[in-house]
PDB file of N, CA and C in Angstrom:
ATOM      1  N   MET A   1     206.422  43.749  58.976  1.00  0.00           N
ATOM      2  CA  MET A   1     207.526  43.579  57.870  1.00  0.00           C
ATOM      3  C   MET A   1     207.829  42.154  57.464  1.00  0.00           C
ATOM      4  N   ALA A   2     207.941  42.012  56.223  1.00  0.00           N
ATOM      5  CA  ALA A   2     208.230  40.765  55.662  1.00  0.00           C
ATOM      6  C   ALA A   2     209.608  40.120  56.229  1.00  0.00           C
ATOM      7  N   VAL A   3     209.499  38.756  56.272  1.00  0.00           N
ATOM      8  CA  VAL A   3     210.783  38.107  56.638  1.00  0.00           C
ATOM      9  C   VAL A   3     210.990  36.788  55.838  1.00  0.00           C
ATOM     10  N   ALA A   4     212.134  36.653  55.908  1.00  0.00           N
ATOM     11  CA  ALA A   4     212.689  35.194  55.143  1.00  0.00           C
ATOM     12  C   ALA A   4     213.164  34.315  56.436  1.00  0.00           C
ATOM     13  N   TYR A   5     213.049  33.006  56.119  1.00  0.00           N
ATOM     14  CA  TYR A   5     213.392  32.074  57.244  1.00  0.00           C
ATOM     15  C   TYR A   5     214.225  31.005  56.544  1.00  0.00           C
ATOM     16  N   LEU A   6     215.499  30.857  57.002  1.00  0.00           N
ATOM     17  CA  LEU A   6     216.326  30.045  56.381  1.00  0.00           C
ATOM     18  C   LEU A   6     216.699  28.787  57.569  1.00  0.00           C
ATOM     19  N   LEU A   7     216.496  27.583  57.132  1.00  0.00           N
ATOM     20  CA  LEU A   7     216.840  26.587  58.143  1.00  0.00           C
ATOM     21  C   LEU A   7     217.750  25.591  57.425  1.00  0.00           C
ATOM     22  N   SER A   8     219.041  25.460  57.855  1.00  0.00           N
ATOM     23  CA  SER A   8     220.030  24.723  57.149  1.00  0.00           C
ATOM     24  C   SER A   8     220.606  23.474  58.126  1.00  0.00           C
ATOM     25  N   TYR A   9     220.736  22.579  57.432  1.00  0.00           N
ATOM     26  CA  TYR A   9     221.329  21.264  57.923  1.00  0.00           C
ATOM     27  C   TYR A   9     222.586  20.892  57.261  1.00  0.00           C
ATOM     28  N   LYS A  10     223.457  20.405  58.177  1.00  0.00           N
ATOM     29  CA  LYS A  10     224.793  19.647  57.639  1.00  0.00           C
ATOM     30  C   LYS A  10     224.344  18.146  58.053  1.00  0.00           C
ATOM     31  N   THR A  11     224.713  17.312  57.112  1.00  0.00           N
ATOM     32  CA  THR A  11     224.330  16.044  57.292  1.00  0.00           C
ATOM     33  C   THR A  11     225.276  15.087  56.330  1.00  0.00           C
ATOM     34  N   SER A  12     225.299  13.795  56.876  1.00  0.00           N
ATOM     35  CA  SER A  12     226.081  12.694  55.993  1.00  0.00           C
ATOM     36  C   SER A  12     224.943  12.203  55.051  1.00  0.00           C
ATOM     37  N   LYS A  13     223.617  12.272  55.319  1.00  0.00           N
ATOM     38  CA  LYS A  13     222.403  11.644  54.652  1.00  0.00           C
ATOM     39  C   LYS A  13     221.732  12.732  54.301  1.00  0.00           C
ATOM     40  N   PRO A  14     221.934  13.592  53.185  1.00  0.00           N
ATOM     41  CA  PRO A  14     221.006  14.644  52.776  1.00  0.00           C
ATOM     42  C   PRO A  14     219.744  14.121  52.078  1.00  0.00           C
ATOM     43  N   VAL A  15     219.843  12.973  51.569  1.00  0.00           N
ATOM     44  CA  VAL A  15     218.510  12.431  51.087  1.00  0.00           C
ATOM     45  C   VAL A  15     217.401  12.204  51.966  1.00  0.00           C
ATOM     46  N   ASP A  16     217.950  11.909  53.229  1.00  0.00           N
ATOM     47  CA  ASP A  16     216.828  11.737  54.388  1.00  0.00           C
ATOM     48  C   ASP A  16     216.129  12.934  54.552  1.00  0.00           C
ATOM     49  N   ILE A  17     216.725  13.960  54.646  1.00  0.00           N
ATOM     50  CA  ILE A  17     216.296  15.503  55.033  1.00  0.00           C
ATOM     51  C   ILE A  17     215.627  15.929  53.848  1.00  0.00           C
ATOM     52  N   LEU A  18     216.162  15.752  52.616  1.00  0.00           N
ATOM     53  CA  LEU A  18     215.467  16.140  51.354  1.00  0.00           C
ATOM     54  C   LEU A  18     214.040  15.545  51.177  1.00  0.00           C
ATOM     55  N   THR A  19     214.018  14.200  51.628  1.00  0.00           N
ATOM     56  CA  THR A  19     212.878  13.538  51.419  1.00  0.00           C
ATOM     57  C   THR A  19     211.773  14.097  52.268  1.00  0.00           C
ATOM     58  N   GLN A  20     212.119  14.324  53.579  1.00  0.00           N
ATOM     59  CA  GLN A  20     211.126  14.846  54.526  1.00  0.00           C
ATOM     60  C   GLN A  20     210.736  16.325  54.176  1.00  0.00           C
ATOM     61  N   LEU A  21     211.683  17.081  53.882  1.00  0.00           N
ATOM     62  CA  LEU A  21     211.332  18.488  53.532  1.00  0.00           C
ATOM     63  C   LEU A  21     210.537  18.576  52.281  1.00  0.00           C
ATOM     64  N   ARG A  22     210.640  17.771  51.326  1.00  0.00           N
ATOM     65  CA  ARG A  22     210.022  17.685  50.061  1.00  0.00           C
ATOM     66  C   ARG A  22     208.411  17.252  50.409  1.00  0.00           C
ATOM     67  N   ALA A  23     208.390  16.366  51.326  1.00  0.00           N
ATOM     68  CA  ALA A  23     207.033  15.649  51.660  1.00  0.00           C
ATOM     69  C   ALA A  23     206.221  16.705  52.260  1.00  0.00           C
ATOM     70  N   TYR A  24     206.998  17.308  53.354  1.00  0.00           N
ATOM     71  CA  TYR A  24     206.113  18.446  54.094  1.00  0.00           C
ATOM     72  C   TYR A  24     205.895  19.626  53.204  1.00  0.00           C
ATOM     73  N   LYS A  25     206.736  20.105  52.461  1.00  0.00           N
ATOM     74  CA  LYS A  25     206.404  21.263  51.295  1.00  0.00           C
ATOM     75  C   LYS A  25     205.258  20.710  50.607  1.00  0.00           C
ATOM     76  N   GLU A  26     205.213  19.748  49.812  1.00  0.00           N
ATOM     77  CA  GLU A  26     204.123  19.248  48.808  1.00  0.00           C
ATOM     78  C   GLU A  26     202.797  19.056  49.647  1.00  0.00           C
ATOM     79  N   ARG A  27     203.030  18.453  50.957  1.00  0.00           N
ATOM     80  CA  ARG A  27     201.686  18.065  51.714  1.00  0.00           C
ATOM     81  C   ARG A  27     201.072  19.189  52.232  1.00  0.00           C
ATOM     82  N   GLU A  28     202.029  20.135  52.864  1.00  0.00           N
ATOM     83  CA  GLU A  28     201.401  21.163  53.894  1.00  0.00           C
ATOM     84  C   GLU A  28     201.337  22.465  53.218  1.00  0.00           C
ATOM     85  N   LEU A  29     202.339  22.829  52.383  1.00  0.00           N
ATOM     86  CA  LEU A  29     202.628  24.163  51.829  1.00  0.00           C
ATOM     87  C   LEU A  29     202.054  24.394  50.432  1.00  0.00           C
ATOM     88  N   ASP A  30     202.217  23.323  49.581  1.00  0.00           N
ATOM     89  CA  ASP A  30     201.762  23.590  48.349  1.00  0.00           C
ATOM     90  C   ASP A  30     200.238  23.255  48.221  1.00  0.00           C
ATOM     91  N   ARG A  31     199.634  22.335  48.861  1.00  0.00           N
ATOM     92  CA  ARG A  31     198.342  22.005  48.836  1.00  0.00           C
ATOM     93  C   ARG A  31     197.403  22.901  49.634  1.00  0.00           C
ATOM     94  N   SER A  32     197.910  23.562  50.693  1.00  0.00           N
ATOM     95  CA  SER A  32     196.952  24.493  51.498  1.00  0.00           C
ATOM     96  C   SER A  32     197.989  25.454  52.104  1.00  0.00           C
ATOM     97  N   PRO A  33     198.355  26.468  51.371  1.00  0.00           N
ATOM     98  CA  PRO A  33     199.557  27.311  51.810  1.00  0.00           C
ATOM     99  C   PRO A  33     199.007  28.000  53.196  1.00  0.00           C
ATOM    100  N   PRO A  34     199.739  28.201  54.213  1.00  0.00           N
ATOM    101  CA  PRO A  34     199.297  29.079  55.286  1.00  0.00           C
ATOM    102  C   PRO A  34     199.218  30.458  54.994  1.00  0.00           C
ATOM    103  N   ALA A  35     198.429  31.215  55.773  1.00  0.00           N
ATOM    104  CA  ALA A  35     198.224  32.645  55.556  1.00  0.00           C
ATOM    105  C   ALA A  35     199.623  33.244  55.740  1.00  0.00           C
ATOM    106  N   GLY A  36     199.945  34.175  54.780  1.00  0.00           N
ATOM    107  CA  GLY A  36     201.383  34.827  54.833  1.00  0.00           C
ATOM    108  C   GLY A  36     202.351  34.145  54.234  1.00  0.00           C
ATOM    109  N   LEU A  37     202.388  33.009  53.668  1.00  0.00           N
ATOM    110  CA  LEU A  37     203.216  32.421  52.923  1.00  0.00           C
ATOM    111  C   LEU A  37     203.541  33.031  51.625  1.00  0.00           C
ATOM    112  N   ARG A  38     204.703  33.431  51.257  1.00  0.00           N
ATOM    113  CA  ARG A  38     204.978  34.046  49.754  1.00  0.00           C
ATOM    114  C   ARG A  38     205.675  33.034  49.057  1.00  0.00           C
ATOM    115  N   HIS A  39     206.586  32.357  49.670  1.00  0.00           N
ATOM    116  CA  HIS A  39     207.365  31.331  48.713  1.00  0.00           C
ATOM    117  C   HIS A  39     208.082  30.319  49.705  1.00  0.00           C
ATOM    118  N   ALA A  40     208.337  29.084  49.239  1.00  0.00           N
ATOM    119  CA  ALA A  40     209.071  28.184  49.737  1.00  0.00           C
ATOM    120  C   ALA A  40     209.997  27.462  48.701  1.00  0.00           C
ATOM    121  N   ARG A  41     211.338  27.240  49.207  1.00  0.00           N
ATOM    122  CA  ARG A  41     212.315  26.486  48.385  1.00  0.00           C
ATOM    123  C   ARG A  41     213.115  25.487  49.303  1.00  0.00           C
ATOM    124  N   ILE A  42     213.467  24.486  48.658  1.00  0.00           N
ATOM    125  CA  ILE A  42     214.507  23.529  49.206  1.00  0.00           C
ATOM    126  C   ILE A  42     215.799  23.731  48.383  1.00  0.00           C
ATOM    127  N   LEU A  43     216.903  23.766  49.204  1.00  0.00           N
ATOM    128  CA  LEU A  43     218.100  23.917  48.433  1.00  0.00           C
ATOM    129  C   LEU A  43     219.199  23.014  49.005  1.00  0.00           C
ATOM    130  N   THR A  44     219.927  22.416  48.020  1.00  0.00           N
ATOM    131  CA  THR A  44     220.724  21.555  48.497  1.00  0.00           C
ATOM    132  C   THR A  44     222.364  22.180  48.131  1.00  0.00           C
ATOM    133  N   GLY A  45     223.125  21.770  48.924  1.00  0.00           N
ATOM    134  CA  GLY A  45     224.550  22.335  48.925  1.00  0.00           C
ATOM    135  C   GLY A  45     225.283  21.667  47.907  1.00  0.00           C
ATOM    136  N   THR A  46     226.115  22.354  47.185  1.00  0.00           N
ATOM    137  CA  THR A  46     227.064  21.840  46.314  1.00  0.00           C
ATOM    138  C   THR A  46     228.146  20.863  46.836  1.00  0.00           C
ATOM    139  N   ASP A  47     228.278  21.032  48.276  1.00  0.00           N
ATOM    140  CA  ASP A  47     229.253  20.078  49.055  1.00  0.00           C
ATOM    141  C   ASP A  47     228.625  18.719  49.157  1.00  0.00           C
ATOM    142  N   GLY A  48     227.351  18.699  48.982  1.00  0.00           N
ATOM    143  CA  GLY A  48     226.768  17.313  49.025  1.00  0.00           C
ATOM    144  C   GLY A  48     226.420  16.853  50.477  1.00  0.00           C
ATOM    145  N   LYS A  49     226.606  17.771  51.324  1.00  0.00           N
ATOM    146  CA  LYS A  49     226.460  17.600  52.803  1.00  0.00           C
ATOM    147  C   LYS A  49     225.652  18.491  53.487  1.00  0.00           C
ATOM    148  N   SER A  50     224.907  19.428  52.748  1.00  0.00           N
ATOM    149  CA  SER A  50     223.895  20.259  53.332  1.00  0.00           C
ATOM    150  C   SER A  50     222.683  20.542  52.565  1.00  0.00           C
ATOM    151  N   VAL A  51     221.651  20.874  53.324  1.00  0.00           N
ATOM    152  CA  VAL A  51     220.214  20.953  52.847  1.00  0.00           C
ATOM    153  C   VAL A  51     219.685  22.213  53.444  1.00  0.00           C
ATOM    154  N   ALA A  52     219.001  23.055  52.786  1.00  0.00           N
ATOM    155  CA  ALA A  52     218.374  24.147  53.381  1.00  0.00           C
ATOM    156  C   ALA A  52     216.980  24.374  52.881  1.00  0.00           C
ATOM    157  N   PHE A  53     216.069  24.867  53.918  1.00  0.00           N
ATOM    158  CA  PHE A  53     214.746  25.064  53.593  1.00  0.00           C
ATOM    159  C   PHE A  53     214.634  26.624  53.665  1.00  0.00           C
ATOM    160  N   TYR A  54     214.137  27.273  52.645  1.00  0.00           N
ATOM    161  CA  TYR A  54     214.017  28.743  52.661  1.00  0.00           C
ATOM    162  C   TYR A  54     212.509  29.117  52.421  1.00  0.00           C
ATOM    163  N   THR A  55     212.023  30.015  53.193  1.00  0.00           N
ATOM    164  CA  THR A  55     210.624  30.430  53.003  1.00  0.00           C
ATOM    165  C   THR A  55     210.586  32.022  53.201  1.00  0.00           C
ATOM    166  N   GLU A  56     209.727  32.670  52.579  1.00  0.00           N
ATOM    167  CA  GLU A  56     209.543  34.156  52.666  1.00  0.00           C
ATOM    168  C   GLU A  56     207.941  34.286  53.139  1.00  0.00           C
ATOM    169  N   TRP A  57     207.816  35.099  54.253  1.00  0.00           N
ATOM    170  CA  TRP A  57     206.449  35.429  54.729  1.00  0.00           C
ATOM    171  C   TRP A  57     206.246  36.913  54.683  1.00  0.00           C
ATOM    172  N   ASP A  58     204.886  37.160  54.822  1.00  0.00           N
ATOM    173  CA  ASP A  58     204.376  38.608  54.878  1.00  0.00           C
ATOM    174  C   ASP A  58     204.827  39.250  56.074  1.00  0.00           C
ATOM    175  N   ASP A  59     204.755  38.248  57.272  1.00  0.00           N
ATOM    176  CA  ASP A  59     205.373  38.956  58.530  1.00  0.00           C
ATOM    177  C   ASP A  59     205.673  37.820  59.366  1.00  0.00           C
ATOM    178  N   ALA A  60     206.267  38.146  60.625  1.00  0.00           N
ATOM    179  CA  ALA A  60     206.914  37.142  61.417  1.00  0.00           C
ATOM    180  C   ALA A  60     205.786  36.259  62.244  1.00  0.00           C
ATOM    181  N   GLU A  61     204.626  36.884  62.315  1.00  0.00           N
ATOM    182  CA  GLU A  61     203.468  36.020  62.882  1.00  0.00           C
ATOM    183  C   GLU A  61     203.264  34.987  62.182  1.00  0.00           C
ATOM    184  N   GLY A  62     202.908  34.906  60.866  1.00  0.00           N
ATOM    185  CA  GLY A  62     202.819  33.817  59.980  1.00  0.00           C
ATOM    186  C   GLY A  62     203.900  32.693  60.099  1.00  0.00           C
ATOM    187  N   LEU A  63     205.173  33.121  60.131  1.00  0.00           N
ATOM    188  CA  LEU A  63     206.293  32.354  60.300  1.00  0.00           C
ATOM    189  C   LEU A  63     206.227  31.552  61.563  1.00  0.00           C
ATOM    190  N   GLU A  64     205.869  32.197  62.651  1.00  0.00           N
ATOM    191  CA  GLU A  64     205.799  31.585  63.952  1.00  0.00           C
ATOM    192  C   GLU A  64     204.496  30.410  64.009  1.00  0.00           C
ATOM    193  N   GLU A  65     203.541  30.821  63.454  1.00  0.00           N
ATOM    194  CA  GLU A  65     202.329  29.926  63.168  1.00  0.00           C
ATOM    195  C   GLU A  65     202.667  28.624  62.700  1.00  0.00           C
ATOM    196  N   MET A  66     203.573  28.789  61.580  1.00  0.00           N
ATOM    197  CA  MET A  66     203.778  27.565  60.889  1.00  0.00           C
ATOM    198  C   MET A  66     204.900  26.862  61.849  1.00  0.00           C
ATOM    199  N   ARG A  67     205.728  27.491  62.493  1.00  0.00           N
ATOM    200  CA  ARG A  67     206.775  26.745  63.136  1.00  0.00           C
ATOM    201  C   ARG A  67     206.141  26.151  64.401  1.00  0.00           C
ATOM    202  N   ASP A  68     204.981  26.547  64.903  1.00  0.00           N
ATOM    203  CA  ASP A  68     204.354  25.933  66.031  1.00  0.00           C
ATOM    204  C   ASP A  68     203.302  24.826  65.584  1.00  0.00           C
ATOM    205  N   SER A  69     203.250  24.598  64.381  1.00  0.00           N
ATOM    206  CA  SER A  69     202.298  23.650  63.852  1.00  0.00           C
ATOM    207  C   SER A  69     202.787  22.262  64.105  1.00  0.00           C
ATOM    208  N   VAL A  70     201.811  21.263  64.281  1.00  0.00           N
ATOM    209  CA  VAL A  70     202.282  19.778  64.533  1.00  0.00           C
ATOM    210  C   VAL A  70     203.024  19.189  63.312  1.00  0.00           C
ATOM    211  N   PRO A  71     202.483  19.411  61.967  1.00  0.00           N
ATOM    212  CA  PRO A  71     203.225  18.880  60.878  1.00  0.00           C
ATOM    213  C   PRO A  71     204.666  19.410  60.879  1.00  0.00           C
ATOM    214  N   TRP A  72     204.736  20.615  61.266  1.00  0.00           N
ATOM    215  CA  TRP A  72     206.164  21.226  61.128  1.00  0.00           C
ATOM    216  C   TRP A  72     207.045  20.654  62.201  1.00  0.00           C
ATOM    217  N   GLU A  73     206.719  20.578  63.392  1.00  0.00           N
ATOM    218  CA  GLU A  73     207.487  19.957  64.462  1.00  0.00           C
ATOM    219  C   GLU A  73     207.716  18.559  64.111  1.00  0.00           C
ATOM    220  N   ALA A  74     206.780  17.831  63.687  1.00  0.00           N
ATOM    221  CA  ALA A  74     207.088  16.387  63.187  1.00  0.00           C
ATOM    222  C   ALA A  74     208.246  16.314  62.249  1.00  0.00           C
ATOM    223  N   CYS A  75     208.197  17.187  61.179  1.00  0.00           N
ATOM    224  CA  CYS A  75     209.145  17.157  60.176  1.00  0.00           C
ATOM    225  C   CYS A  75     210.364  17.493  60.763  1.00  0.00           C
ATOM    226  N   ILE A  76     210.562  18.495  61.561  1.00  0.00           N
ATOM    227  CA  ILE A  76     211.832  18.904  62.107  1.00  0.00           C
ATOM    228  C   ILE A  76     212.402  17.744  63.100  1.00  0.00           C
ATOM    229  N   ASP A  77     211.640  17.207  63.928  1.00  0.00           N
ATOM    230  CA  ASP A  77     211.983  16.026  64.638  1.00  0.00           C
ATOM    231  C   ASP A  77     212.451  14.968  63.765  1.00  0.00           C
ATOM    232  N   ILE A  78     211.995  14.582  62.771  1.00  0.00           N
ATOM    233  CA  ILE A  78     212.614  13.564  61.986  1.00  0.00           C
ATOM    234  C   ILE A  78     213.979  13.973  61.301  1.00  0.00           C
ATOM    235  N   ASN A  79     214.035  15.262  60.805  1.00  0.00           N
ATOM    236  CA  ASN A  79     215.077  15.773  60.331  1.00  0.00           C
ATOM    237  C   ASN A  79     216.357  15.806  61.353  1.00  0.00           C
ATOM    238  N   ASP A  80     216.091  16.234  62.587  1.00  0.00           N
ATOM    239  CA  ASP A  80     217.125  16.245  63.503  1.00  0.00           C
ATOM    240  C   ASP A  80     217.780  14.886  63.896  1.00  0.00           C
ATOM    241  N   VAL A  81     217.098  13.947  63.535  1.00  0.00           N
ATOM    242  CA  VAL A  81     217.587  12.521  63.649  1.00  0.00           C
ATOM    243  C   VAL A  81     218.666  12.338  62.736  1.00  0.00           C
ATOM    244  N   HIS A  82     218.502  12.751  61.522  1.00  0.00           N
ATOM    245  CA  HIS A  82     219.445  12.609  60.359  1.00  0.00           C
ATOM    246  C   HIS A  82     220.510  13.559  60.349  1.00  0.00           C
ATOM    247  N   ALA A  83     220.370  14.704  61.058  1.00  0.00           N
ATOM    248  CA  ALA A  83     221.259  15.825  60.755  1.00  0.00           C
ATOM    249  C   ALA A  83     222.334  15.835  61.820  1.00  0.00           C
ATOM    250  N   ASP A  84     223.623  16.203  61.455  1.00  0.00           N
ATOM    251  CA  ASP A  84     224.652  16.327  62.250  1.00  0.00           C
ATOM    252  C   ASP A  84     224.541  17.645  63.128  1.00  0.00           C
ATOM    253  N   SER A  85     223.984  18.679  62.462  1.00  0.00           N
ATOM    254  CA  SER A  85     223.829  19.800  63.017  1.00  0.00           C
ATOM    255  C   SER A  85     222.628  20.592  62.214  1.00  0.00           C
ATOM    256  N   HIS A  86     222.060  21.634  62.637  1.00  0.00           N
ATOM    257  CA  HIS A  86     221.183  22.500  61.967  1.00  0.00           C
ATOM    258  C   HIS A  86     221.248  23.909  62.574  1.00  0.00           C
ATOM    259  N   GLU A  87     221.055  24.797  61.903  1.00  0.00           N
ATOM    260  CA  GLU A  87     220.876  26.230  62.135  1.00  0.00           C
ATOM    261  C   GLU A  87     219.580  27.097  61.592  1.00  0.00           C
ATOM    262  N   GLU A  88     219.104  27.895  62.318  1.00  0.00           N
ATOM    263  CA  GLU A  88     218.035  28.656  61.855  1.00  0.00           C
ATOM    264  C   GLU A  88     218.191  30.035  61.876  1.00  0.00           C
ATOM    265  N   LYS A  89     217.886  30.766  60.821  1.00  0.00           N
ATOM    266  CA  LYS A  89     217.949  32.271  60.850  1.00  0.00           C
ATOM    267  C   LYS A  89     216.662  32.915  60.326  1.00  0.00           C
ATOM    268  N   VAL A  90     216.308  34.161  60.749  1.00  0.00           N
ATOM    269  CA  VAL A  90     215.231  34.842  60.231  1.00  0.00           C
ATOM    270  C   VAL A  90     215.882  36.183  59.858  1.00  0.00           C
ATOM    271  N   PHE A  91     215.466  36.571  58.688  1.00  0.00           N
ATOM    272  CA  PHE A  91     215.976  37.844  58.061  1.00  0.00           C
ATOM    273  C   PHE A  91     214.654  38.766  57.822  1.00  0.00           C
ATOM    274  N   GLU A  92     214.960  40.042  58.062  1.00  0.00           N
ATOM    275  CA  GLU A  92     213.967  40.988  57.501  1.00  0.00           C
ATOM    276  C   GLU A  92     214.069  41.353  55.903  1.00  0.00           C
ATOM    277  N   ILE A  93     212.989  41.304  55.128  1.00  0.00           N
ATOM    278  CA  ILE A  93     213.224  41.459  53.910  1.00  0.00           C
ATOM    279  C   ILE A  93     213.082  43.254  53.649  1.00  0.00           C
ATOM    280  N   ALA A  94     214.066  43.726  53.147  1.00  0.00           N
ATOM    281  CA  ALA A  94     214.099  45.169  52.932  1.00  0.00           C
ATOM    282  C   ALA A  94     213.517  45.657  51.508  1.00  0.00           C
TER     283      ALA A  94
END
């Protein structure tokens, strides 16, 4: 079953997280999309203090492979330094 993954951050420095997510998306997802990736978007909150990374996948296995990759873990580690909090959710796409 297809899934959507939403990773959201609350931060006083959204530009730092935006920079990391854009670099990751361009370098890893746009140039050489992993198997099963359907779509990726970076969203910024109208509150000026939130950033979200939204992706859609053919199945949960493709998502988990991406989340286990070294580039992804490095991006998340850097984002966690700049974030006040973050939340991850996975949704089934009906």
